[in-house]
C-alpha atoms as a PDB file:
ATOM      1  CA  MET A   1      19.261  29.418  30.114  1.00  0.00           C
ATOM      2  CA  GLU A   2      18.884  28.272  26.583  1.00  0.00           C
ATOM      3  CA  SER A   3      20.205  24.877  25.688  1.00  0.00           C
ATOM      4  CA  SER A   4      21.019  23.610  22.300  1.00  0.00           C
ATOM      5  CA  ILE A   5      21.095  20.045  21.084  1.00  0.00           C
ATOM      6  CA  LYS A   6      23.705  19.191  18.540  1.00  0.00           C
ATOM      7  CA  THR A   7      22.793  16.630  15.956  1.00  0.00           C
ATOM      8  CA  VAL A   8      25.645  14.302  15.157  1.00  0.00           C
ATOM      9  CA  LYS A   9      25.617  13.416  11.495  1.00  0.00           C
ATOM     10  CA  PRO A  10      26.635   9.849  10.692  1.00  0.00           C
ATOM     11  CA  THR A  11      30.035   9.513   9.101  1.00  0.00           C
ATOM     12  CA  LEU A  12      30.561   8.023   5.667  1.00  0.00           C
ATOM     13  CA  ALA A  13      31.917   4.852   7.280  1.00  0.00           C
ATOM     14  CA  THR A  14      28.783   4.536   9.414  1.00  0.00           C
ATOM     15  CA  ARG A  15      26.524   5.023   6.414  1.00  0.00           C
ATOM     16  CA  ILE A  16      28.396   2.355   4.478  1.00  0.00           C
ATOM     17  CA  LYS A  17      28.219   0.009   7.459  1.00  0.00           C
ATOM     18  CA  ASN A  18      24.448   0.515   7.703  1.00  0.00           C
ATOM     19  CA  LEU A  19      23.784  -0.259   4.047  1.00  0.00           C
ATOM     20  CA  PRO A  20      21.270  -3.123   3.707  1.00  0.00           C
ATOM     21  CA  PRO A  21      22.794  -6.538   2.903  1.00  0.00           C
ATOM     22  CA  VAL A  22      21.022  -6.612  -0.475  1.00  0.00           C
ATOM     23  CA  VAL A  23      23.290  -3.785  -1.667  1.00  0.00           C
ATOM     24  CA  TRP A  24      26.408  -5.803  -0.850  1.00  0.00           C
ATOM     25  CA  MET A  25      25.005  -8.896  -2.517  1.00  0.00           C
ATOM     26  CA  LEU A  26      24.201  -6.817  -5.591  1.00  0.00           C
ATOM     27  CA  LEU A  27      27.790  -5.546  -5.709  1.00  0.00           C
ATOM     28  CA  VAL A  28      29.090  -9.113  -5.356  1.00  0.00           C
ATOM     29  CA  LEU A  29      26.894 -10.330  -8.227  1.00  0.00           C
ATOM     30  CA  VAL A  30      27.957  -7.473 -10.494  1.00  0.00           C
ATOM     31  CA  THR A  31      31.618  -8.192  -9.691  1.00  0.00           C
ATOM     32  CA  VAL A  32      31.259 -11.908 -10.406  1.00  0.00           C
ATOM     33  CA  PHE A  33      29.412 -11.399 -13.684  1.00  0.00           C
ATOM     34  CA  SER A  34      31.841  -8.698 -14.814  1.00  0.00           C
ATOM     35  CA  ILE A  35      34.696 -11.176 -14.330  1.00  0.00           C
ATOM     36  CA  THR A  36      33.000 -14.182 -15.916  1.00  0.00           C
ATOM     37  CA  THR A  37      31.225 -12.389 -18.757  1.00  0.00           C
ATOM     38  CA  PRO A  38      33.037 -10.406 -21.485  1.00  0.00           C
ATOM     39  CA  ASN A  39      31.721  -6.881 -22.097  1.00  0.00           C
ATOM     40  CA  TYR A  40      29.345  -7.129 -19.141  1.00  0.00           C
ATOM     41  CA  PHE A  41      29.604  -3.377 -18.598  1.00  0.00           C
ATOM     42  CA  ALA A  42      28.853  -2.618 -22.238  1.00  0.00           C
ATOM     43  CA  LEU A  43      26.318   0.191 -22.572  1.00  0.00           C
ATOM     44  CA  SER A  44      23.916  -2.106 -24.418  1.00  0.00           C
ATOM     45  CA  ASN A  45      23.876  -4.655 -21.586  1.00  0.00           C
ATOM     46  CA  LEU A  46      23.493  -2.024 -18.873  1.00  0.00           C
ATOM     47  CA  ARG A  47      20.601  -0.558 -20.823  1.00  0.00           C
ATOM     48  CA  ASN A  48      19.072  -4.032 -21.119  1.00  0.00           C
ATOM     49  CA  ILE A  49      19.263  -4.466 -17.347  1.00  0.00           C
ATOM     50  CA  LEU A  50      17.448  -1.186 -16.797  1.00  0.00           C
ATOM     51  CA  VAL A  51      14.759  -1.983 -19.366  1.00  0.00           C
ATOM     52  CA  GLN A  52      14.293  -5.517 -18.023  1.00  0.00           C
ATOM     53  CA  SER A  53      13.811  -4.151 -14.500  1.00  0.00           C
ATOM     54  CA  VAL A  54      11.065  -1.655 -15.410  1.00  0.00           C
ATOM     55  CA  ALA A  55       7.981  -3.890 -15.182  1.00  0.00           C
ATOM     56  CA  LEU A  56       9.047  -5.584 -11.953  1.00  0.00           C
ATOM     57  CA  MET A  57      10.147  -2.249 -10.505  1.00  0.00           C
ATOM     58  CA  ILE A  58       6.736  -0.634 -10.909  1.00  0.00           C
ATOM     59  CA  LEU A  59       4.903  -3.740  -9.710  1.00  0.00           C
ATOM     60  CA  ALA A  60       7.222  -4.022  -6.699  1.00  0.00           C
ATOM     61  CA  PHE A  61       6.409  -0.424  -5.736  1.00  0.00           C
ATOM     62  CA  ALA A  62       2.759  -1.481  -5.643  1.00  0.00           C
ATOM     63  CA  GLN A  63       3.522  -4.592  -3.624  1.00  0.00           C
ATOM     64  CA  THR A  64       5.664  -2.594  -1.175  1.00  0.00           C
ATOM     65  CA  LEU A  65       2.704  -0.377  -0.282  1.00  0.00           C
ATOM     66  CA  ILE A  66       0.547  -3.438   0.372  1.00  0.00           C
ATOM     67  CA  VAL A  67       3.254  -5.136   2.446  1.00  0.00           C
ATOM     68  CA  LEU A  68       3.598  -1.965   4.532  1.00  0.00           C
ATOM     69  CA  THR A  69      -0.037  -2.507   5.566  1.00  0.00           C
ATOM     70  CA  GLN A  70       0.900  -6.072   6.605  1.00  0.00           C
ATOM     71  CA  GLY A  71      -0.738  -7.553   3.531  1.00  0.00           C
ATOM     72  CA  THR A  72       0.209  -9.225   0.258  1.00  0.00           C
ATOM     73  CA  ASP A  73      -1.533  -8.648  -3.086  1.00  0.00           C
ATOM     74  CA  LEU A  74      -1.460 -11.886  -5.072  1.00  0.00           C
ATOM     75  CA  SER A  75      -3.610 -10.416  -7.844  1.00  0.00           C
ATOM     76  CA  LEU A  76      -1.026  -7.920  -9.137  1.00  0.00           C
ATOM     77  CA  GLY A  77       0.389 -10.242 -11.792  1.00  0.00           C
ATOM     78  CA  ALA A  78      -3.108 -11.076 -13.017  1.00  0.00           C
ATOM     79  CA  GLN A  79      -3.891  -7.350 -13.144  1.00  0.00           C
ATOM     80  CA  VAL A  80      -0.914  -6.812 -15.451  1.00  0.00           C
ATOM     81  CA  SER A  81      -2.145  -9.570 -17.766  1.00  0.00           C
ATOM     82  CA  LEU A  82      -5.676  -8.156 -17.711  1.00  0.00           C
ATOM     83  CA  VAL A  83      -4.473  -4.705 -18.756  1.00  0.00           C
ATOM     84  CA  THR A  84      -2.553  -6.051 -21.749  1.00  0.00           C
ATOM     85  CA  VAL A  85      -5.660  -7.985 -22.807  1.00  0.00           C
ATOM     86  CA  LEU A  86      -8.169  -5.177 -22.223  1.00  0.00           C
ATOM     87  CA  TRP A  87      -6.060  -2.542 -23.989  1.00  0.00           C
ATOM     88  CA  VAL A  88      -5.566  -4.634 -27.129  1.00  0.00           C
ATOM     89  CA  PHE A  89      -9.102  -6.070 -27.031  1.00  0.00           C
ATOM     90  CA  LEU A  90     -10.715  -2.618 -26.864  1.00  0.00           C
ATOM     91  CA  ALA A  91      -8.350  -1.154 -29.476  1.00  0.00           C
ATOM     92  CA  LYS A  92      -9.134  -3.971 -31.886  1.00  0.00           C
ATOM     93  CA  ALA A  93     -12.839  -3.377 -31.245  1.00  0.00           C
ATOM     94  CA  GLY A  94     -12.434   0.195 -32.546  1.00  0.00           C
ATOM     95  CA  VAL A  95     -12.021   2.136 -29.289  1.00  0.00           C
ATOM     96  CA  ASN A  96      -9.479   4.959 -29.465  1.00  0.00           C
ATOM     97  CA  ILE A  97      -6.047   3.600 -28.490  1.00  0.00           C
ATOM     98  CA  TYR A  98      -5.548   6.210 -25.748  1.00  0.00           C
ATOM     99  CA  LEU A  99      -9.073   5.909 -24.371  1.00  0.00           C
ATOM    100  CA  SER A 100      -8.751   2.128 -24.291  1.00  0.00           C
ATOM    101  CA  ALA A 101      -5.498   2.503 -22.319  1.00  0.00           C
ATOM    102  CA  VAL A 102      -7.243   4.707 -19.756  1.00  0.00           C
ATOM    103  CA  MET A 103     -10.131   2.247 -19.526  1.00  0.00           C
ATOM    104  CA  ALA A 104      -7.736  -0.671 -18.982  1.00  0.00           C
ATOM    105  CA  VAL A 105      -5.952   1.119 -16.138  1.00  0.00           C
ATOM    106  CA  ALA A 106      -9.303   2.193 -14.666  1.00  0.00           C
ATOM    107  CA  ALA A 107     -10.246  -1.492 -14.549  1.00  0.00           C
ATOM    108  CA  THR A 108      -7.263  -2.361 -12.348  1.00  0.00           C
ATOM    109  CA  VAL A 109      -7.947   0.626 -10.107  1.00  0.00           C
ATOM    110  CA  LEU A 110     -11.478  -0.768  -9.676  1.00  0.00           C
ATOM    111  CA  VAL A 111      -9.981  -4.174  -8.899  1.00  0.00           C
ATOM    112  CA  GLY A 112      -7.865  -2.478  -6.230  1.00  0.00           C
ATOM    113  CA  VAL A 113     -10.939  -0.833  -4.733  1.00  0.00           C
ATOM    114  CA  ILE A 114     -12.683  -4.214  -4.539  1.00  0.00           C
ATOM    115  CA  ASN A 115      -9.596  -5.807  -2.965  1.00  0.00           C
ATOM    116  CA  GLY A 116      -9.457  -3.017  -0.395  1.00  0.00           C
ATOM    117  CA  LEU A 117     -13.114  -3.440   0.501  1.00  0.00           C
ATOM    118  CA  LEU A 118     -12.760  -7.211   0.829  1.00  0.00           C
ATOM    119  CA  VAL A 119      -9.810  -6.766   3.189  1.00  0.00           C
ATOM    120  CA  ALA A 120     -11.058  -3.798   5.226  1.00  0.00           C
ATOM    121  CA  LYS A 121     -14.829  -4.212   5.180  1.00  0.00           C
ATOM    122  CA  GLY A 122     -15.107  -7.942   4.636  1.00  0.00           C
ATOM    123  CA  LYS A 123     -12.300  -8.727   7.110  1.00  0.00           C
ATOM    124  CA  ILE A 124     -10.891 -11.274   4.660  1.00  0.00           C
ATOM    125  CA  PRO A 125      -7.136 -11.878   4.999  1.00  0.00           C
ATOM    126  CA  PRO A 126      -5.325 -10.107   2.118  1.00  0.00           C
ATOM    127  CA  PHE A 127      -3.673 -13.353   1.009  1.00  0.00           C
ATOM    128  CA  ILE A 128      -7.054 -15.073   0.556  1.00  0.00           C
ATOM    129  CA  ALA A 129      -8.928 -12.098  -0.901  1.00  0.00           C
ATOM    130  CA  THR A 130      -6.312 -11.316  -3.528  1.00  0.00           C
ATOM    131  CA  PHE A 131      -5.751 -14.995  -4.335  1.00  0.00           C
ATOM    132  CA  GLY A 132      -9.425 -15.270  -5.192  1.00  0.00           C
ATOM    133  CA  MET A 133      -9.211 -12.096  -7.262  1.00  0.00           C
ATOM    134  CA  GLN A 134      -6.150 -13.486  -9.066  1.00  0.00           C
ATOM    135  CA  ASN A 135      -8.153 -16.470 -10.278  1.00  0.00           C
ATOM    136  CA  ILE A 136     -11.136 -14.348 -11.310  1.00  0.00           C
ATOM    137  CA  LEU A 137      -8.973 -11.971 -13.350  1.00  0.00           C
ATOM    138  CA  GLY A 138      -7.093 -14.876 -14.906  1.00  0.00           C
ATOM    139  CA  SER A 139     -10.352 -16.402 -16.097  1.00  0.00           C
ATOM    140  CA  ILE A 140     -11.570 -13.066 -17.517  1.00  0.00           C
ATOM    141  CA  SER A 141      -8.331 -12.628 -19.469  1.00  0.00           C
ATOM    142  CA  LEU A 142      -8.549 -16.155 -20.876  1.00  0.00           C
ATOM    143  CA  LEU A 143     -12.205 -15.695 -21.842  1.00  0.00           C
ATOM    144  CA  LEU A 144     -11.539 -12.404 -23.657  1.00  0.00           C
ATOM    145  CA  THR A 145      -8.694 -13.917 -25.663  1.00  0.00           C
ATOM    146  CA  ALA A 146     -10.119 -17.443 -26.094  1.00  0.00           C
ATOM    147  CA  GLY A 147      -7.008 -18.710 -24.354  1.00  0.00           C
ATOM    148  CA  SER A 148      -4.435 -17.288 -26.759  1.00  0.00           C
ATOM    149  CA  SER A 149      -2.565 -14.045 -27.350  1.00  0.00           C
ATOM    150  CA  ILE A 150      -4.245 -11.325 -29.412  1.00  0.00           C
ATOM    151  CA  TYR A 151      -1.949  -9.216 -31.533  1.00  0.00           C
ATOM    152  CA  PHE A 152      -2.371  -5.596 -32.544  1.00  0.00           C
ATOM    153  CA  SER A 153      -0.059  -3.250 -34.385  1.00  0.00           C
ATOM    154  CA  HIS A 154       0.138   0.438 -33.499  1.00  0.00           C
ATOM    155  CA  TYR A 155       2.911   2.995 -33.611  1.00  0.00           C
ATOM    156  CA  ILE A 156       2.440   3.860 -29.917  1.00  0.00           C
ATOM    157  CA  PHE A 157       3.913   0.478 -28.955  1.00  0.00           C
ATOM    158  CA  ARG A 158       7.108   1.091 -30.899  1.00  0.00           C
ATOM    159  CA  PHE A 159       7.250   4.713 -29.743  1.00  0.00           C
ATOM    160  CA  VAL A 160       7.238   3.688 -26.087  1.00  0.00           C
ATOM    161  CA  THR A 161       9.748   0.870 -26.465  1.00  0.00           C
ATOM    162  CA  GLU A 162      12.122   2.538 -28.934  1.00  0.00           C
ATOM    163  CA  THR A 163      12.236   6.153 -27.735  1.00  0.00           C
ATOM    164  CA  VAL A 164      15.463   7.111 -25.975  1.00  0.00           C
ATOM    165  CA  ILE A 165      15.854  10.357 -24.005  1.00  0.00           C
ATOM    166  CA  LEU A 166      19.349  11.338 -22.849  1.00  0.00           C
ATOM    167  CA  PHE A 167      20.620   7.822 -23.618  1.00  0.00           C
ATOM    168  CA  ILE A 168      17.942   6.306 -21.371  1.00  0.00           C
ATOM    169  CA  PRO A 169      14.939   4.386 -22.804  1.00  0.00           C
ATOM    170  CA  LEU A 170      11.504   5.923 -22.233  1.00  0.00           C
ATOM    171  CA  PRO A 171      10.203   2.989 -20.104  1.00  0.00           C
ATOM    172  CA  VAL A 172      12.987   3.661 -17.587  1.00  0.00           C
ATOM    173  CA  TRP A 173      11.900   7.310 -17.376  1.00  0.00           C
ATOM    174  CA  ILE A 174       8.320   6.158 -16.796  1.00  0.00           C
ATOM    175  CA  ALA A 175       9.482   3.859 -13.978  1.00  0.00           C
ATOM    176  CA  ALA A 176      11.406   6.791 -12.483  1.00  0.00           C
ATOM    177  CA  ALA A 177       8.255   8.914 -12.662  1.00  0.00           C
ATOM    178  CA  MET A 178       6.271   6.201 -10.868  1.00  0.00           C
ATOM    179  CA  PHE A 179       8.973   6.088  -8.182  1.00  0.00           C
ATOM    180  CA  GLY A 180       8.824   9.856  -7.762  1.00  0.00           C
ATOM    181  CA  LEU A 181       5.025   9.903  -7.546  1.00  0.00           C
ATOM    182  CA  THR A 182       4.941   7.011  -5.091  1.00  0.00           C
ATOM    183  CA  TRP A 183       7.732   8.514  -2.969  1.00  0.00           C
ATOM    184  CA  VAL A 184       5.867  11.815  -2.649  1.00  0.00           C
ATOM    185  CA  LEU A 185       2.602  10.077  -1.766  1.00  0.00           C
ATOM    186  CA  LEU A 186       4.305   7.802   0.758  1.00  0.00           C
ATOM    187  CA  TYR A 187       6.508  10.338   2.541  1.00  0.00           C
ATOM    188  CA  ARG A 188       4.889  13.710   1.979  1.00  0.00           C
ATOM    189  CA  THR A 189       1.132  13.123   2.333  1.00  0.00           C
ATOM    190  CA  LYS A 190      -1.384  11.860   4.892  1.00  0.00           C
ATOM    191  CA  PHE A 191      -1.994   8.974   2.518  1.00  0.00           C
ATOM    192  CA  GLY A 192       1.525   7.707   3.165  1.00  0.00           C
ATOM    193  CA  ILE A 193       1.378   8.356   6.913  1.00  0.00           C
ATOM    194  CA  ASN A 194      -1.783   6.282   7.089  1.00  0.00           C
ATOM    195  CA  ILE A 195      -0.172   3.430   5.152  1.00  0.00           C
ATOM    196  CA  PHE A 196       2.607   3.203   7.733  1.00  0.00           C
ATOM    197  CA  GLY A 197      -0.045   3.466  10.424  1.00  0.00           C
ATOM    198  CA  LEU A 198      -2.016   0.522   9.039  1.00  0.00           C
ATOM    199  CA  GLY A 199       1.046  -1.676   9.280  1.00  0.00           C
ATOM    200  CA  GLY A 200       2.599  -0.210  12.409  1.00  0.00           C
ATOM    201  CA  ASN A 201      -0.282   0.537  14.775  1.00  0.00           C
ATOM    202  CA  GLN A 202      -3.757   0.343  13.269  1.00  0.00           C
ATOM    203  CA  GLU A 203      -5.423   0.720  16.662  1.00  0.00           C
ATOM    204  CA  ALA A 204      -3.748   4.082  17.208  1.00  0.00           C
ATOM    205  CA  LEU A 205      -4.823   5.140  13.729  1.00  0.00           C
ATOM    206  CA  THR A 206      -8.436   4.286  14.538  1.00  0.00           C
ATOM    207  CA  LEU A 207      -8.288   6.130  17.885  1.00  0.00           C
ATOM    208  CA  ALA A 208      -6.994   9.181  15.997  1.00  0.00           C
ATOM    209  CA  GLY A 209     -10.239   9.218  14.035  1.00  0.00           C
ATOM    210  CA  VAL A 210      -8.804   7.958  10.744  1.00  0.00           C
ATOM    211  CA  ASN A 211     -11.146   5.929   8.535  1.00  0.00           C
ATOM    212  CA  THR A 212      -9.057   2.789   8.067  1.00  0.00           C
ATOM    213  CA  VAL A 213     -11.442   1.361   5.469  1.00  0.00           C
ATOM    214  CA  LYS A 214     -10.751   4.313   3.186  1.00  0.00           C
ATOM    215  CA  CYS A 215      -7.029   3.925   3.846  1.00  0.00           C
ATOM    216  CA  TYR A 216      -7.079   0.299   2.733  1.00  0.00           C
ATOM    217  CA  VAL A 217      -9.199   1.065  -0.326  1.00  0.00           C
ATOM    218  CA  LYS A 218      -6.924   3.933  -1.398  1.00  0.00           C
ATOM    219  CA  THR A 219      -3.806   1.805  -0.913  1.00  0.00           C
ATOM    220  CA  TYR A 220      -5.087  -1.131  -2.952  1.00  0.00           C
ATOM    221  CA  ALA A 221      -6.534   1.218  -5.582  1.00  0.00           C
ATOM    222  CA  TYR A 222      -3.173   2.947  -6.017  1.00  0.00           C
ATOM    223  CA  ALA A 223      -1.490  -0.455  -6.234  1.00  0.00           C
ATOM    224  CA  GLY A 224      -3.985  -1.263  -8.983  1.00  0.00           C
ATOM    225  CA  PHE A 225      -3.019   1.955 -10.767  1.00  0.00           C
ATOM    226  CA  LEU A 226       0.674   0.989 -10.686  1.00  0.00           C
ATOM    227  CA  ALA A 227      -0.186  -2.513 -11.934  1.00  0.00           C
ATOM    228  CA  GLY A 228      -2.119  -0.844 -14.746  1.00  0.00           C
ATOM    229  CA  ILE A 229       0.885   1.252 -15.791  1.00  0.00           C
ATOM    230  CA  CYS A 230       3.012  -1.886 -15.660  1.00  0.00           C
ATOM    231  CA  GLY A 231       0.462  -3.613 -17.892  1.00  0.00           C
ATOM    232  CA  LEU A 232       0.551  -0.836 -20.473  1.00  0.00           C
ATOM    233  CA  LEU A 233       4.351  -0.962 -20.678  1.00  0.00           C
ATOM    234  CA  THR A 234       4.226  -4.748 -20.943  1.00  0.00           C
ATOM    235  CA  ALA A 235       1.699  -4.565 -23.774  1.00  0.00           C
ATOM    236  CA  CYS A 236       3.965  -2.125 -25.608  1.00  0.00           C
ATOM    237  CA  ARG A 237       6.887  -4.516 -25.217  1.00  0.00           C
ATOM    238  CA  VAL A 238       5.066  -7.620 -26.469  1.00  0.00           C
ATOM    239  CA  GLU A 239       2.723  -5.731 -28.859  1.00  0.00           C
ATOM    240  CA  SER A 240      -0.146  -7.981 -27.870  1.00  0.00           C
ATOM    241  CA  GLY A 241      -2.629  -8.877 -25.202  1.00  0.00           C
ATOM    242  CA  GLN A 242      -1.324 -11.924 -23.346  1.00  0.00           C
ATOM    243  CA  PRO A 243      -3.605 -13.504 -20.722  1.00  0.00           C
ATOM    244  CA  ILE A 244      -0.775 -15.123 -18.736  1.00  0.00           C
ATOM    245  CA  VAL A 245       2.115 -12.714 -19.280  1.00  0.00           C
ATOM    246  CA  GLY A 246       2.093 -11.538 -15.651  1.00  0.00           C
ATOM    247  CA  THR A 247       1.828 -14.986 -14.081  1.00  0.00           C
ATOM    248  CA  GLY A 248       4.111 -15.232 -11.073  1.00  0.00           C
ATOM    249  CA  TRP A 249       5.161 -11.586 -11.151  1.00  0.00           C
ATOM    250  CA  GLU A 250       3.398 -10.921  -7.857  1.00  0.00           C
ATOM    251  CA  PHE A 251       5.752 -13.344  -6.108  1.00  0.00           C
ATOM    252  CA  GLU A 252       8.827 -11.725  -7.636  1.00  0.00           C
ATOM    253  CA  ALA A 253       7.453  -8.381  -6.458  1.00  0.00           C
ATOM    254  CA  VAL A 254       7.108  -9.771  -2.930  1.00  0.00           C
ATOM    255  CA  ALA A 255      10.666 -11.119  -3.073  1.00  0.00           C
ATOM    256  CA  ALA A 256      12.013  -7.746  -4.260  1.00  0.00           C
ATOM    257  CA  THR A 257      10.080  -5.984  -1.503  1.00  0.00           C
ATOM    258  CA  LEU A 258      11.433  -8.248   1.237  1.00  0.00           C
ATOM    259  CA  LEU A 259      14.948  -8.091  -0.187  1.00  0.00           C
ATOM    260  CA  GLY A 260      14.662  -4.321  -0.031  1.00  0.00           C
ATOM    261  CA  GLY A 261      14.081  -4.461   3.724  1.00  0.00           C
ATOM    262  CA  THR A 262      10.326  -3.962   3.990  1.00  0.00           C
ATOM    263  CA  SER A 263       8.882  -6.017   6.834  1.00  0.00           C
ATOM    264  CA  LEU A 264       5.757  -8.142   6.519  1.00  0.00           C
ATOM    265  CA  ARG A 265       4.939  -7.692  10.211  1.00  0.00           C
ATOM    266  CA  GLU A 266       6.098  -4.293  11.403  1.00  0.00           C
ATOM    267  CA  GLY A 267       4.977  -1.790   8.780  1.00  0.00           C
ATOM    268  CA  LYS A 268       8.584  -0.744   8.285  1.00  0.00           C
ATOM    269  CA  GLY A 269      10.464  -0.218   5.036  1.00  0.00           C
ATOM    270  CA  GLY A 270      10.002   1.773   1.866  1.00  0.00           C
ATOM    271  CA  ILE A 271      10.283   1.890  -1.894  1.00  0.00           C
ATOM    272  CA  ALA A 272      13.919   3.040  -1.992  1.00  0.00           C
ATOM    273  CA  GLY A 273      15.057  -0.330  -0.660  1.00  0.00           C
ATOM    274  CA  THR A 274      12.727  -2.081  -3.089  1.00  0.00           C
ATOM    275  CA  ILE A 275      14.814  -0.737  -5.980  1.00  0.00           C
ATOM    276  CA  SER A 276      17.826  -2.658  -4.657  1.00  0.00           C
ATOM    277  CA  GLY A 277      15.738  -5.826  -4.430  1.00  0.00           C
ATOM    278  CA  VAL A 278      14.499  -5.460  -8.001  1.00  0.00           C
ATOM    279  CA  LEU A 279      17.992  -4.778  -9.321  1.00  0.00           C
ATOM    280  CA  LEU A 280      19.333  -7.842  -7.513  1.00  0.00           C
ATOM    281  CA  LEU A 281      16.762 -10.083  -9.210  1.00  0.00           C
ATOM    282  CA  THR A 282      17.229  -8.429 -12.605  1.00  0.00           C
ATOM    283  CA  VAL A 283      21.038  -8.471 -12.502  1.00  0.00           C
ATOM    284  CA  LEU A 284      20.953 -12.107 -11.407  1.00  0.00           C
ATOM    285  CA  ARG A 285      18.617 -13.170 -14.204  1.00  0.00           C
ATOM    286  CA  ASN A 286      20.495 -11.089 -16.799  1.00  0.00           C
ATOM    287  CA  GLY A 287      23.872 -12.403 -15.649  1.00  0.00           C
ATOM    288  CA  LEU A 288      22.730 -16.017 -15.846  1.00  0.00           C
ATOM    289  CA  ASN A 289      21.386 -15.438 -19.360  1.00  0.00           C
ATOM    290  CA  VAL A 290      24.489 -13.743 -20.757  1.00  0.00           C
ATOM    291  CA  SER A 291      26.675 -16.328 -19.024  1.00  0.00           C
ATOM    292  CA  GLY A 292      24.862 -19.076 -20.906  1.00  0.00           C
ATOM    293  CA  VAL A 293      23.449 -20.875 -17.865  1.00  0.00           C
ATOM    294  CA  SER A 294      20.723 -23.314 -18.902  1.00  0.00           C
ATOM    295  CA  ALA A 295      17.144 -22.214 -18.232  1.00  0.00           C
ATOM    296  CA  MET A 296      16.634 -25.522 -16.381  1.00  0.00           C
ATOM    297  CA  TYR A 297      18.943 -24.347 -13.612  1.00  0.00           C
ATOM    298  CA  GLN A 298      18.178 -20.628 -13.536  1.00  0.00           C
ATOM    299  CA  ASN A 299      15.058 -20.740 -11.339  1.00  0.00           C
ATOM    300  CA  ALA A 300      16.817 -22.970  -8.796  1.00  0.00           C
ATOM    301  CA  ILE A 301      19.859 -20.687  -8.669  1.00  0.00           C
ATOM    302  CA  ILE A 302      17.690 -17.573  -8.349  1.00  0.00           C
ATOM    303  CA  GLY A 303      15.621 -19.215  -5.599  1.00  0.00           C
ATOM    304  CA  ILE A 304      18.709 -20.209  -3.621  1.00  0.00           C
ATOM    305  CA  ILE A 305      20.283 -16.760  -3.866  1.00  0.00           C
ATOM    306  CA  VAL A 306      17.044 -14.976  -2.969  1.00  0.00           C
ATOM    307  CA  LEU A 307      16.505 -17.193   0.081  1.00  0.00           C
ATOM    308  CA  LEU A 308      20.125 -16.685   1.107  1.00  0.00           C
ATOM    309  CA  ALA A 309      19.787 -12.917   0.715  1.00  0.00           C
ATOM    310  CA  ILE A 310      16.610 -12.781   2.816  1.00  0.00           C
ATOM    311  CA  VAL A 311      18.146 -14.962   5.557  1.00  0.00           C
ATOM    312  CA  ILE A 312      21.313 -12.831   5.657  1.00  0.00           C
ATOM    313  CA  ASP A 313      19.230  -9.653   5.715  1.00  0.00           C
ATOM    314  CA  ALA A 314      17.155 -10.952   8.651  1.00  0.00           C
ATOM    315  CA  MET A 315      20.276 -11.983  10.575  1.00  0.00           C
ATOM    316  CA  VAL A 316      22.027  -8.649  10.012  1.00  0.00           C
ATOM    317  CA  ARG A 317      18.967  -6.644  11.066  1.00  0.00           C
ATOM    318  CA  ARG A 318      18.592  -8.778  14.184  1.00  0.00           C
ATOM    319  CA  MET A 319      22.241  -8.193  15.096  1.00  0.00           C
ATOM    320  CA  ARG A 320      21.883  -4.440  14.564  1.00  0.00           C
ATOM    321  CA  ASN A 321      18.778  -4.302  16.756  1.00  0.00           C
ATOM    322  CA  ASP A 322      20.562  -6.228  19.500  1.00  0.00           C
END
């Protein structure tokens, strides 16, 4: 006798109930700012929010992959700064603008390879290995620029920042492309399966005959690639090489990743949730700016709300698991 198993699809109410807390907090923030700020939903402001989220979005995708392996890459912000410096430095030295861009991104991919080897082969905790790399890259950027920004004018910068396709700025399309590429790699390839395996059950991955060293190297190298793309977009925005422009971005990327529901210990999560985390941080910062809140208080307010969001998220997930 043949038996059939019926799959019960979750109702709309169930799906809404299971939305991560960060989504609700994002809706609350948008509601508050729309009430307190005139013309908050103006097309220009919504476009600003999207554009402002691009750099952090791409960097947070990179950080999410590292966190899924139960690691944290503290060198990502320094990689962004290095790319802006290398691209402008090489272009000013006479290297073709497009070739110099490729070389700058290749440098961060190489940095990722080194990070992966230090973690996988050298058995150095990711926090320590990437912290050391952060300081090395910071020093290189400062040496190349003599401690100050180096400016360079080229039409490609304005083309990237000013081009609008279907009412959406080009940088947003590039971020969407990076999301699509990362989503495919994470959920439709062995590369992605192995990333979840590194964070979820590395021993089982090793017993299955998977070379975990290569997995780590590929993951950190791809994170370096994403940091490189972020660096190129940042250089286009500031039209210069700035040795400290990415300082602290790695921590915001970690915050966005955790807000999005990716776990530091279980190898669970994904880049879709990371988008919500990035938007929460961007909407919060944008709302405080347009509301006229003093810069002296902004970091404290953002820190409090982020901590509150992470605590609420942890409590809700614990209740759901129980």
